[in-house]
Amino acid sequence: MADNPRVTVNEGVLQGNVKNDYQGNKYYSFQGIPYGEAPIGELRFKAPKPAKPWEGIRDATKEGSECYSRHMIFKNIIGAEDCLYLNVFTPKLPAEDPNLKPVMVWIHGGGFTLGSGSSELYGPDFLITESVVLVTINYRLGILGFLSIDDPDLEATGNAGLKDQIMALRWVQSNISKFGGDPNNVTIFGESAGAASIHYMILSPMGKGLFHKAILQSSSAFCCWAKGSPSLPLVTKALNLETTNAKEVLDILQKMPVDQLLELQEKLPDLFTADFVRPFGPIVENPLAKNAFLTREPLDVILSGNYHHVPIMIGFNSREGIISEIDSKRKHGELRFLTDFGTTIPHVMKLEKNSNLSKIVSEKIKNFYYGSGGPTHENVDQFYLMEGDNLFVWAIYIAVKHHSLTAREPIYLYRLTVDSSLNVYKRFAQANAPGVCHGDDLGYLFTNALTPSIIPNSVEDLSVRRIKKLWTTFARTGNPNPAIKDDLIAVDWKPVEPEKFHFLEIGDNLTVGVNPECERMKFWQSLFLLSPHSSKL
């Protein structure tokens, strides 16, 4: 293995380095590779442009700047606008092994306002042992990534962060073979906002030919928080501007220092409640827009069948809603329960606040999860279930339901229930109740700053080995079932059928079943039938 690895990509020469995975094997690391021009000045808020070539040898031994935002955990301001960088990790370079390997491109979560592809959270040391090439990327966040001004001539119609992801995938198509990766076998995978992004890419014409399989962890495009708002009225109000001329407003925003843009972003309410449409996030663009990412509603695209038909793996964790405890403790220093159940009504139902129908729906939600009582610390699990179903699980169910009717490729559904020391988010929440928190799946795919030593044959070891094998087998073949069964993976994971959702439960052991969370999903289905605006969901 070369001690001084260099790779020549289309833009120039990269100097990487050699690292060791969690089993002690060496692999190659190339970090901070630019895939797009710095999106500053006139390019701020607009679709990215490809990276320019460089002279000489570029140092790729450390990560590039994260996109300007707050730190995922500590909330201090980090990063810069010049942030369109990706990282490539490969077990072998072509000179050592001419056989091209499956490529897995990771799209990070963070609610479209936080996060990066950094190894701080997404270290490659687990997945790289499965003979895949791993790519992790940054993309623009918040107002910088999701400002939307509905004037096609201004070229800032929204979804710049999603267009960044597309640009990164184009870079992969052009360059990944230089690292031993197969551009004809690319799997995009992501969690939370990353999974919603991937769902949008499946539905977007821009995604054509850029990926061949998709893994959606804990989210879909139907999540209530995964949709943004038109920006012009919000921005003009927050800045107390008299003008509503789109070009004048865009000029003002392009000239603002980036720290003032973040201040502006944080002036606007941004709630993770089902009834709230967020200020910045994916949006359906004007069909006349240049470089439009998506011009039709996701459900309409799925029902039409006119999307990218690739094998899909999608699933959720058993107690996604524990993440709401983290959010509450961050805001209030303690877990506070809902007092206004009107906030649990998904905004896609388009019910008038405090109307008779909205009161009926909110009471139904309260009674379904709590009966005649209300939320308490004694029934905290009901809080987790309600929050998880409302914010994540129902949206996954809806995606599976409709794709199963039109998909030409298989869909594999899972539920994650394994609960160990690798469940980092649950530990961070200091939640003691049983269940797997939103984000806890990450600890079995990636190493992070809190990853403990893996003890052979522990639940951590067995779970990491199972999960990385399932994920990478799917990336290799489009079917997560290994060709040869063994004690580690001895079950047959069937794809879903319409109205018969086969699923794999990933616990201390692997088991299979049909229609997970059936009664709770029936309840949400019945709620949506009450609204003429959302009954087709």
Protein backbone atom coordinates (compact mmCIF):
# COMPACT_ATOMS: atom_id res chain seq x y z
CA MET A 1 0.00 0.00 0.00
CA ALA A 2 1.38 3.39 -1.03
CA ASP A 3 2.45 5.55 1.90
CA ASN A 4 2.18 8.73 -0.13
CA PRO A 5 -1.03 8.26 -2.16
CA ARG A 6 -1.78 10.59 -5.02
CA VAL A 7 -4.77 10.59 -7.33
CA THR A 8 -5.24 12.69 -10.46
CA VAL A 9 -8.85 13.81 -10.94
CA ASN A 10 -10.20 15.99 -13.75
CA GLU A 11 -9.39 19.17 -11.81
CA GLY A 12 -5.84 18.30 -10.74
CA VAL A 13 -3.66 16.15 -8.49
CA LEU A 14 -4.67 15.24 -4.91
CA GLN A 15 -2.33 14.24 -2.10
CA GLY A 16 -4.11 11.94 0.36
CA ASN A 17 -2.96 9.86 3.29
CA VAL A 18 -3.26 6.40 4.81
CA LYS A 19 -5.43 5.60 7.84
CA ASN A 20 -6.49 2.52 9.78
CA ASP A 21 -10.05 1.21 10.10
CA TYR A 22 -11.49 -0.16 13.36
CA GLN A 23 -10.10 -3.61 12.60
CA GLY A 24 -6.59 -2.24 12.01
CA ASN A 25 -6.60 -2.50 8.21
CA LYS A 26 -5.19 0.39 6.17
CA TYR A 27 -7.26 2.47 3.76
CA TYR A 28 -6.78 5.64 1.73
CA SER A 29 -8.30 8.97 2.73
CA PHE A 30 -8.73 12.01 0.46
CA GLN A 31 -10.47 14.93 2.17
CA GLY A 32 -11.45 18.50 1.38
CA ILE A 33 -11.85 17.91 -2.37
CA PRO A 34 -13.70 20.80 -4.04
CA TYR A 35 -16.62 19.67 -6.19
CA GLY A 36 -18.04 23.16 -6.81
CA GLU A 37 -16.90 26.75 -7.01
CA ALA A 38 -17.19 28.79 -3.83
CA PRO A 39 -20.89 29.88 -3.85
CA ILE A 40 -20.18 33.50 -2.93
CA GLY A 41 -20.96 36.88 -4.45
CA GLU A 42 -23.22 36.49 -7.47
CA LEU A 43 -23.32 32.71 -6.91
CA ARG A 44 -24.79 33.06 -3.41
CA PHE A 45 -28.24 31.36 -3.27
CA LYS A 46 -27.88 30.06 -6.84
CA ALA A 47 -27.21 26.67 -8.40
CA PRO A 48 -23.55 25.68 -7.97
CA LYS A 49 -20.94 25.67 -10.70
CA PRO A 50 -18.33 22.90 -11.10
CA ALA A 51 -15.01 23.30 -9.31
CA LYS A 52 -12.23 24.93 -11.29
CA PRO A 53 -8.92 23.16 -11.97
CA TRP A 54 -5.93 23.91 -9.74
CA GLU A 55 -2.19 24.04 -10.32
CA GLY A 56 0.24 21.72 -8.59
CA ILE A 57 -0.59 19.15 -5.94
CA ARG A 58 -3.58 19.86 -3.70
CA ASP A 59 -3.37 18.80 -0.05
CA ALA A 60 -6.25 16.37 0.58
CA THR A 61 -5.18 15.24 4.03
CA LYS A 62 -7.67 17.36 5.97
CA GLU A 63 -11.32 18.26 5.59
CA GLY A 64 -12.50 21.38 3.80
CA SER A 65 -14.54 24.02 5.57
CA GLU A 66 -18.02 23.03 6.73
CA CYS A 67 -20.93 25.05 5.41
CA TYR A 68 -21.66 28.17 7.46
CA SER A 69 -24.04 27.22 10.28
CA ARG A 70 -24.09 26.28 13.93
CA HIS A 71 -22.37 23.16 15.21
CA MET A 72 -24.72 20.17 15.35
CA ILE A 73 -24.06 19.55 19.06
CA PHE A 74 -22.42 22.61 20.60
CA LYS A 75 -24.34 25.25 18.59
CA ASN A 76 -21.37 27.59 18.15
CA ILE A 77 -21.01 29.18 14.68
CA ILE A 78 -18.71 27.20 12.39
CA GLY A 79 -17.69 26.98 8.75
CA ALA A 80 -17.66 29.32 5.77
CA GLU A 81 -19.55 29.97 2.57
CA ASP A 82 -16.72 28.37 0.59
CA CYS A 83 -17.78 24.88 1.62
CA LEU A 84 -18.57 22.72 -1.41
CA TYR A 85 -16.14 19.96 -0.49
CA LEU A 86 -16.34 16.19 -0.31
CA ASN A 87 -14.24 13.37 1.12
CA VAL A 88 -13.38 10.03 -0.53
CA PHE A 89 -12.29 6.92 1.35
CA THR A 90 -11.20 3.80 -0.50
CA PRO A 91 -9.68 0.47 0.58
CA LYS A 92 -7.62 0.11 -2.61
CA LEU A 93 -6.53 2.34 -5.48
CA PRO A 94 -6.78 1.07 -9.10
CA ALA A 95 -3.04 0.40 -9.33
CA GLU A 96 -3.46 -2.22 -6.57
CA ASP A 97 -6.90 -3.57 -7.55
CA PRO A 98 -8.33 -2.87 -11.02
CA ASN A 99 -11.78 -4.18 -10.04
CA LEU A 100 -14.12 -1.23 -9.45
CA LYS A 101 -15.99 -1.23 -6.15
CA PRO A 102 -19.52 -0.13 -5.24
CA VAL A 103 -19.72 3.55 -4.31
CA MET A 104 -21.75 4.82 -1.34
CA VAL A 105 -22.40 8.57 -1.17
CA TRP A 106 -23.52 9.83 2.25
CA ILE A 107 -25.93 12.77 2.57
CA HIS A 108 -25.88 14.08 6.14
CA GLY A 109 -28.87 15.15 8.20
CA GLY A 110 -29.41 18.21 10.38
CA GLY A 111 -32.82 19.55 9.44
CA PHE A 112 -31.42 21.42 6.41
CA THR A 113 -29.84 23.95 8.81
CA LEU A 114 -27.02 22.00 10.50
CA GLY A 115 -24.40 19.37 9.81
CA SER A 116 -21.62 18.40 7.42
CA GLY A 117 -19.89 15.35 6.00
CA SER A 118 -17.18 15.61 8.66
CA SER A 119 -15.57 12.50 10.15
CA GLU A 120 -16.37 13.95 13.56
CA LEU A 121 -19.79 12.28 13.11
CA TYR A 122 -19.33 10.21 9.94
CA GLY A 123 -16.01 8.42 10.18
CA PRO A 124 -15.51 5.71 7.52
CA ASP A 125 -13.88 3.09 9.72
CA PHE A 126 -16.85 0.65 9.83
CA LEU A 127 -18.10 0.75 6.24
CA ILE A 128 -14.67 0.83 4.61
CA THR A 129 -14.08 -2.76 5.80
CA GLU A 130 -16.75 -3.97 3.35
CA SER A 131 -14.78 -3.17 0.17
CA VAL A 132 -16.79 -0.12 -0.86
CA VAL A 133 -15.70 3.38 -1.77
CA LEU A 134 -17.32 5.90 0.60
CA VAL A 135 -17.97 9.55 -0.24
CA THR A 136 -19.22 12.12 2.30
CA ILE A 137 -20.24 15.62 1.25
CA ASN A 138 -21.12 19.11 2.46
CA TYR A 139 -24.03 21.10 1.03
CA ARG A 140 -25.34 24.60 1.74
CA LEU A 141 -27.69 24.97 4.70
CA GLY A 142 -30.38 27.31 6.00
CA ILE A 143 -30.91 30.57 4.17
CA LEU A 144 -27.74 30.03 2.11
CA GLY A 145 -28.97 26.68 0.85
CA PHE A 146 -32.72 27.15 0.71
CA LEU A 147 -33.60 30.78 0.04
CA SER A 148 -36.36 30.73 -2.58
CA ILE A 149 -37.35 33.78 -4.62
CA ASP A 150 -40.00 32.98 -7.19
CA ASP A 151 -38.61 34.96 -10.11
CA PRO A 152 -37.07 32.69 -12.76
CA ASP A 153 -34.86 35.48 -14.11
CA LEU A 154 -33.02 35.80 -10.79
CA GLU A 155 -31.93 32.13 -10.69
CA ALA A 156 -32.48 31.92 -6.92
CA THR A 157 -35.72 29.95 -7.01
CA GLY A 158 -34.71 27.58 -4.20
CA ASN A 159 -33.15 24.21 -3.42
CA ALA A 160 -29.53 25.38 -3.84
CA GLY A 161 -28.51 22.87 -1.16
CA LEU A 162 -30.14 20.02 -3.09
CA LYS A 163 -28.49 21.25 -6.29
CA ASP A 164 -25.17 21.08 -4.42
CA GLN A 165 -25.87 17.40 -3.76
CA ILE A 166 -26.54 16.88 -7.47
CA MET A 167 -23.26 18.65 -8.33
CA ALA A 168 -21.40 16.34 -5.93
CA LEU A 169 -22.96 13.30 -7.62
CA ARG A 170 -21.86 14.64 -11.01
CA TRP A 171 -18.33 14.94 -9.64
CA VAL A 172 -18.57 11.32 -8.50
CA GLN A 173 -19.61 10.22 -11.99
CA SER A 174 -16.61 12.01 -13.50
CA ASN A 175 -13.93 11.10 -10.99
CA ILE A 176 -14.72 8.17 -8.70
CA SER A 177 -13.11 5.54 -10.94
CA LYS A 178 -9.75 7.20 -10.18
CA PHE A 179 -10.24 6.03 -6.57
CA GLY A 180 -11.35 2.51 -7.52
CA GLY A 181 -15.08 3.25 -7.41
CA ASP A 182 -17.62 2.16 -9.99
CA PRO A 183 -19.57 5.14 -11.41
CA ASN A 184 -22.17 2.66 -12.69
CA ASN A 185 -22.89 1.35 -9.18
CA VAL A 186 -23.57 4.36 -6.94
CA THR A 187 -25.80 4.18 -3.87
CA ILE A 188 -26.94 7.40 -2.22
CA PHE A 189 -27.77 7.00 1.46
CA GLY A 190 -28.65 9.42 4.21
CA GLU A 191 -30.45 9.99 7.48
CA SER A 192 -33.11 12.52 8.51
CA ALA A 193 -32.78 15.58 6.22
CA GLY A 194 -30.27 13.52 4.24
CA ALA A 195 -32.90 10.82 3.65
CA ALA A 196 -35.51 13.43 2.71
CA SER A 197 -32.94 14.90 0.28
CA ILE A 198 -32.47 11.48 -1.28
CA HIS A 199 -36.22 11.05 -1.67
CA TYR A 200 -36.36 14.41 -3.42
CA MET A 201 -33.49 13.33 -5.69
CA ILE A 202 -35.42 10.18 -6.63
CA LEU A 203 -38.27 12.48 -7.71
CA SER A 204 -36.17 15.19 -9.38
CA PRO A 205 -35.32 15.10 -13.11
CA MET A 206 -31.85 16.35 -12.10
CA GLY A 207 -31.04 13.00 -10.51
CA LYS A 208 -31.18 11.05 -13.77
CA GLY A 209 -28.26 8.68 -14.21
CA LEU A 210 -26.41 9.87 -11.09
CA PHE A 211 -27.28 6.98 -8.74
CA HIS A 212 -28.50 3.41 -8.99
CA LYS A 213 -29.79 2.59 -5.49
CA ALA A 214 -31.05 4.61 -2.53
CA ILE A 215 -31.19 4.12 1.26
CA LEU A 216 -33.49 6.40 3.28
CA GLN A 217 -32.95 6.31 7.03
CA SER A 218 -35.69 7.78 9.23
CA SER A 219 -37.23 10.28 6.79
CA SER A 220 -38.90 10.93 3.46
CA ALA A 221 -40.00 13.95 1.46
CA PHE A 222 -43.37 13.69 3.22
CA CYS A 223 -41.96 14.66 6.62
CA CYS A 224 -43.78 17.80 7.76
CA TRP A 225 -40.47 19.54 8.55
CA ALA A 226 -38.92 18.69 5.15
CA LYS A 227 -40.67 21.44 3.24
CA GLY A 228 -39.81 25.14 3.12
CA SER A 229 -41.67 28.39 2.42
CA PRO A 230 -41.40 31.10 -0.24
CA SER A 231 -38.73 33.41 1.15
CA LEU A 232 -39.60 36.87 -0.15
CA PRO A 233 -42.43 37.75 2.29
CA LEU A 234 -40.52 36.31 5.26
CA VAL A 235 -37.28 38.16 4.47
CA THR A 236 -38.84 41.54 3.68
CA LYS A 237 -40.79 41.44 6.94
CA ALA A 238 -37.79 40.38 9.04
CA LEU A 239 -35.61 43.14 7.53
CA ASN A 240 -38.40 45.76 7.71
CA LEU A 241 -37.95 46.44 4.00
CA GLU A 242 -40.39 48.68 2.21
CA THR A 243 -39.56 47.18 -1.17
CA THR A 244 -41.03 43.87 -2.26
CA ASN A 245 -39.16 43.96 -5.56
CA ALA A 246 -37.51 40.55 -5.81
CA LYS A 247 -34.34 41.77 -7.54
CA GLU A 248 -33.81 44.57 -5.00
CA VAL A 249 -34.26 42.15 -2.09
CA LEU A 250 -31.88 39.62 -3.64
CA ASP A 251 -29.27 42.35 -4.18
CA ILE A 252 -29.51 43.31 -0.51
CA LEU A 253 -29.09 39.68 0.59
CA GLN A 254 -26.15 39.06 -1.72
CA LYS A 255 -24.29 42.04 -0.25
CA MET A 256 -24.95 41.17 3.41
CA PRO A 257 -22.05 39.73 5.43
CA VAL A 258 -22.62 36.03 6.06
CA ASP A 259 -22.91 36.49 9.83
CA GLN A 260 -25.79 38.92 9.29
CA LEU A 261 -27.49 36.38 7.05
CA LEU A 262 -27.39 33.84 9.87
CA GLU A 263 -28.80 36.48 12.24
CA LEU A 264 -31.61 37.05 9.74
CA GLN A 265 -32.24 33.32 9.47
CA GLU A 266 -32.46 33.00 13.24
CA LYS A 267 -34.91 35.89 13.52
CA LEU A 268 -37.46 33.76 11.73
CA PRO A 269 -39.37 31.14 13.74
CA ASP A 270 -38.25 27.63 12.82
CA LEU A 271 -40.28 25.07 14.71
CA PHE A 272 -40.12 21.29 14.43
CA THR A 273 -43.83 20.84 14.98
CA ALA A 274 -46.19 19.18 12.55
CA ASP A 275 -48.38 22.27 12.05
CA PHE A 276 -45.49 24.57 11.12
CA VAL A 277 -44.13 25.21 7.61
CA ARG A 278 -40.45 26.01 8.00
CA PRO A 279 -38.85 29.15 6.55
CA PHE A 280 -36.02 27.37 4.73
CA GLY A 281 -36.12 23.90 3.21
CA PRO A 282 -36.90 22.07 -0.03
CA ILE A 283 -39.58 23.72 -2.13
CA VAL A 284 -41.47 23.13 -5.37
CA GLU A 285 -39.92 25.61 -7.80
CA ASN A 286 -41.39 27.71 -10.57
CA PRO A 287 -41.61 25.47 -13.69
CA LEU A 288 -40.04 28.32 -15.70
CA ALA A 289 -36.96 28.44 -13.47
CA LYS A 290 -33.56 27.74 -14.95
CA ASN A 291 -31.95 24.75 -13.19
CA ALA A 292 -35.21 23.85 -11.42
CA PHE A 293 -34.74 20.87 -9.10
CA LEU A 294 -38.42 20.01 -8.55
CA THR A 295 -41.49 21.60 -10.14
CA ARG A 296 -44.26 19.21 -8.99
CA GLU A 297 -45.46 18.06 -5.58
CA PRO A 298 -43.78 14.81 -4.45
CA LEU A 299 -47.04 12.85 -4.23
CA ASP A 300 -48.03 13.82 -7.76
CA VAL A 301 -44.63 12.70 -9.07
CA ILE A 302 -44.89 9.32 -7.31
CA LEU A 303 -48.44 8.68 -8.49
CA SER A 304 -47.41 9.54 -12.05
CA GLY A 305 -44.64 6.93 -11.91
CA ASN A 306 -42.33 9.43 -13.59
CA TYR A 307 -39.34 9.26 -11.25
CA HIS A 308 -36.06 7.35 -10.99
CA HIS A 309 -36.91 3.69 -10.48
CA VAL A 310 -34.05 2.33 -8.38
CA PRO A 311 -34.04 -0.25 -5.57
CA ILE A 312 -34.92 1.49 -2.31
CA MET A 313 -34.15 0.58 1.29
CA ILE A 314 -36.08 2.63 3.82
CA GLY A 315 -36.74 2.38 7.54
CA PHE A 316 -37.04 3.91 10.97
CA ASN A 317 -35.97 3.53 14.57
CA SER A 318 -38.29 2.20 17.27
CA ARG A 319 -38.51 5.47 19.25
CA GLU A 320 -37.69 8.24 16.80
CA GLY A 321 -39.52 10.68 19.08
CA ILE A 322 -36.83 10.61 21.77
CA ILE A 323 -35.24 13.35 19.65
CA SER A 324 -38.00 15.67 20.89
CA GLU A 325 -36.69 15.20 24.42
CA ILE A 326 -33.27 16.40 23.26
CA ASP A 327 -34.91 19.43 21.65
CA SER A 328 -36.93 20.22 24.77
CA LYS A 329 -33.95 19.91 27.12
CA ARG A 330 -31.86 22.12 24.83
CA LYS A 331 -34.55 24.83 24.88
CA HIS A 332 -35.86 24.57 28.44
CA GLY A 333 -33.30 22.56 30.38
CA GLU A 334 -35.90 19.85 30.99
CA LEU A 335 -38.45 17.69 29.18
CA ARG A 336 -41.66 19.64 28.72
CA PHE A 337 -44.73 17.98 27.30
CA LEU A 338 -47.20 19.38 24.81
CA THR A 339 -50.10 21.39 26.12
CA ASP A 340 -51.45 22.44 22.71
CA PHE A 341 -52.28 19.36 20.65
CA GLY A 342 -53.17 21.61 17.75
CA THR A 343 -49.44 21.66 17.00
CA THR A 344 -49.59 17.92 16.27
CA ILE A 345 -51.89 18.42 13.25
CA PRO A 346 -49.76 18.09 10.07
CA HIS A 347 -49.81 21.31 8.05
CA VAL A 348 -50.48 19.32 4.87
CA MET A 349 -54.01 18.73 6.17
CA LYS A 350 -54.55 22.50 5.72
CA LEU A 351 -57.00 22.76 8.60
CA GLU A 352 -57.85 26.22 9.85
CA LYS A 353 -56.35 26.73 13.31
CA ASN A 354 -58.92 26.52 16.13
CA SER A 355 -61.66 25.48 13.70
CA ASN A 356 -64.13 22.83 14.82
CA LEU A 357 -62.46 20.23 12.61
CA SER A 358 -58.97 21.08 13.90
CA LYS A 359 -60.23 20.73 17.49
CA ILE A 360 -61.75 17.36 16.66
CA VAL A 361 -58.48 16.17 15.05
CA SER A 362 -56.26 17.40 17.90
CA GLU A 363 -58.54 15.70 20.45
CA LYS A 364 -58.39 12.47 18.46
CA ILE A 365 -54.58 12.59 18.52
CA LYS A 366 -54.51 13.26 22.26
CA ASN A 367 -56.98 10.48 23.02
CA PHE A 368 -55.28 7.95 20.76
CA TYR A 369 -51.93 8.32 22.50
CA TYR A 370 -52.98 9.26 26.04
CA GLY A 371 -56.57 8.15 26.53
CA SER A 372 -58.52 10.25 28.99
CA GLY A 373 -55.38 11.49 30.74
CA GLY A 374 -52.49 13.53 29.44
CA PRO A 375 -48.73 13.33 29.02
CA THR A 376 -46.70 12.63 32.16
CA HIS A 377 -43.26 11.29 32.97
CA GLU A 378 -44.94 7.97 33.80
CA ASN A 379 -46.27 7.58 30.26
CA VAL A 380 -43.31 9.20 28.50
CA ASP A 381 -43.18 6.34 26.00
CA GLN A 382 -46.48 7.57 24.55
CA PHE A 383 -44.86 10.96 24.02
CA TYR A 384 -42.01 9.29 22.15
CA LEU A 385 -44.43 7.31 20.00
CA MET A 386 -46.61 10.30 19.17
CA GLU A 387 -43.66 12.54 18.27
CA GLY A 388 -41.94 9.81 16.29
CA ASP A 389 -45.04 8.86 14.33
CA ASN A 390 -45.95 12.48 13.63
CA LEU A 391 -42.50 13.70 12.60
CA PHE A 392 -41.01 10.61 10.95
CA VAL A 393 -42.73 7.21 10.85
CA TRP A 394 -45.99 8.27 9.18
CA ALA A 395 -44.03 10.01 6.42
CA ILE A 396 -42.03 6.83 5.81
CA TYR A 397 -45.22 4.78 5.72
CA ILE A 398 -46.73 7.16 3.15
CA ALA A 399 -43.62 6.96 0.96
CA VAL A 400 -43.63 3.15 1.07
CA LYS A 401 -47.38 2.99 0.46
CA HIS A 402 -47.33 5.08 -2.70
CA HIS A 403 -44.02 3.88 -4.12
CA SER A 404 -45.20 0.29 -3.72
CA LEU A 405 -48.01 1.08 -6.17
CA THR A 406 -45.83 2.52 -8.93
CA ALA A 407 -42.26 1.26 -8.35
CA ARG A 408 -40.59 -1.01 -10.89
CA GLU A 409 -37.77 -1.90 -8.47
CA PRO A 410 -37.95 -3.52 -5.00
CA ILE A 411 -38.47 -1.60 -1.76
CA TYR A 412 -37.00 -3.03 1.46
CA LEU A 413 -38.42 -1.78 4.78
CA TYR A 414 -36.71 -2.08 8.17
CA ARG A 415 -37.26 -1.17 11.82
CA LEU A 416 -34.21 -0.70 14.07
CA THR A 417 -34.62 -1.77 17.71
CA VAL A 418 -31.07 -2.62 18.79
CA ASP A 419 -30.19 -0.56 21.87
CA SER A 420 -26.53 -0.45 22.89
CA SER A 421 -23.71 1.92 23.80
CA LEU A 422 -23.50 2.90 20.12
CA ASN A 423 -26.90 4.66 20.37
CA VAL A 424 -25.24 8.05 20.73
CA TYR A 425 -28.29 10.31 20.42
CA LYS A 426 -30.21 8.46 23.10
CA ARG A 427 -27.22 8.78 25.43
CA PHE A 428 -27.06 12.47 24.60
CA ALA A 429 -30.78 12.81 25.49
CA GLN A 430 -30.14 11.03 28.82
CA ALA A 431 -33.31 9.09 28.07
CA ASN A 432 -33.72 5.98 30.19
CA ALA A 433 -36.83 4.48 28.60
CA PRO A 434 -36.42 1.58 26.14
CA GLY A 435 -36.19 2.38 22.45
CA VAL A 436 -33.95 3.69 19.70
CA CYS A 437 -33.79 7.47 19.18
CA HIS A 438 -33.76 9.34 15.88
CA GLY A 439 -30.12 9.30 14.75
CA ASP A 440 -29.11 6.26 16.78
CA ASP A 441 -28.68 4.19 13.61
CA LEU A 442 -25.67 6.32 12.69
CA GLY A 443 -23.52 4.72 15.39
CA TYR A 444 -23.62 1.36 13.60
CA LEU A 445 -22.54 2.71 10.22
CA PHE A 446 -19.99 5.39 11.16
CA THR A 447 -17.41 5.99 13.82
CA ASN A 448 -17.68 9.29 15.71
CA ALA A 449 -15.99 11.16 18.51
CA LEU A 450 -17.86 9.03 21.10
CA THR A 451 -17.48 5.59 19.52
CA PRO A 452 -16.22 3.18 22.21
CA SER A 453 -13.81 0.33 21.60
CA ILE A 454 -15.71 -2.51 19.98
CA ILE A 455 -15.49 -5.68 22.08
CA PRO A 456 -15.51 -8.83 19.93
CA ASN A 457 -18.87 -10.67 19.93
CA SER A 458 -20.57 -7.96 21.99
CA VAL A 459 -23.99 -6.66 20.92
CA GLU A 460 -22.14 -3.64 19.51
CA ASP A 461 -19.80 -5.82 17.46
CA LEU A 462 -22.52 -8.12 16.13
CA SER A 463 -24.81 -5.19 15.29
CA VAL A 464 -22.11 -3.24 13.45
CA ARG A 465 -21.21 -6.34 11.46
CA ARG A 466 -24.86 -7.06 10.60
CA ILE A 467 -25.84 -3.52 9.66
CA LYS A 468 -22.78 -2.69 7.58
CA LYS A 469 -23.16 -6.04 5.78
CA LEU A 470 -26.86 -5.40 5.01
CA TRP A 471 -26.20 -1.84 3.81
CA THR A 472 -23.19 -2.69 1.66
CA THR A 473 -24.76 -5.85 0.21
CA PHE A 474 -27.68 -3.70 -0.90
CA ALA A 475 -25.21 -1.17 -2.36
CA ARG A 476 -23.43 -3.95 -4.22
CA THR A 477 -26.45 -5.80 -5.66
CA GLY A 478 -29.70 -3.92 -4.97
CA ASN A 479 -30.74 -6.73 -2.62
CA PRO A 480 -29.66 -6.59 1.07
CA ASN A 481 -29.80 -10.38 1.46
CA PRO A 482 -26.30 -11.90 1.26
CA ALA A 483 -25.94 -14.68 -1.30
CA ILE A 484 -24.78 -17.03 1.45
CA LYS A 485 -26.65 -17.02 4.78
CA ASP A 486 -24.73 -17.42 8.03
CA ASP A 487 -25.36 -17.02 11.76
CA LEU A 488 -24.99 -13.25 11.42
CA ILE A 489 -27.72 -12.85 8.77
CA ALA A 490 -29.90 -15.95 8.65
CA VAL A 491 -33.28 -14.47 7.68
CA ASP A 492 -34.85 -13.75 4.29
CA TRP A 493 -35.74 -10.06 4.01
CA LYS A 494 -38.56 -9.76 1.48
CA PRO A 495 -39.42 -6.53 -0.37
CA VAL A 496 -42.74 -4.83 0.37
CA GLU A 497 -45.90 -5.53 -1.58
CA PRO A 498 -48.89 -3.16 -1.87
CA GLU A 499 -50.81 -3.38 1.43
CA LYS A 500 -48.36 -6.03 2.68
CA PHE A 501 -45.28 -4.32 4.06
CA HIS A 502 -42.73 -7.04 4.72
CA PHE A 503 -40.00 -5.68 7.01
CA LEU A 504 -36.79 -6.64 8.76
CA GLU A 505 -36.48 -5.93 12.47
CA ILE A 506 -32.87 -5.17 13.36
CA GLY A 507 -32.59 -5.89 17.07
CA ASP A 508 -30.18 -7.96 19.11
CA ASN A 509 -31.15 -10.54 16.50
CA LEU A 510 -32.75 -10.24 13.07
CA THR A 511 -36.41 -11.14 12.65
CA VAL A 512 -38.97 -10.51 9.92
CA GLY A 513 -42.59 -9.44 10.01
CA VAL A 514 -45.38 -7.69 8.14
CA ASN A 515 -46.90 -4.20 8.52
CA PRO A 516 -44.95 -2.65 11.42
CA GLU A 517 -46.81 -0.22 13.72
CA CYS A 518 -49.99 -1.26 11.91
CA GLU A 519 -52.59 0.17 14.32
CA ARG A 520 -50.81 3.50 14.70
CA MET A 521 -50.45 3.89 10.94
CA LYS A 522 -54.17 3.06 10.48
CA PHE A 523 -54.96 5.82 12.94
CA TRP A 524 -52.98 8.41 10.97
CA GLN A 525 -54.54 7.20 7.74
CA SER A 526 -57.99 7.78 9.26
CA LEU A 527 -57.02 11.32 10.31
CA PHE A 528 -55.95 12.30 6.82
CA LEU A 529 -59.25 11.08 5.43
CA LEU A 530 -60.93 13.83 7.46
CA SER A 531 -59.32 16.55 5.35
CA PRO A 532 -60.27 16.97 1.68
CA HIS A 533 -56.87 18.62 1.13
CA SER A 534 -54.90 15.54 2.13
CA SER A 535 -57.28 12.59 1.77
CA LYS A 536 -55.31 11.08 -1.14
CA LEU A 537 -52.34 10.56 1.18
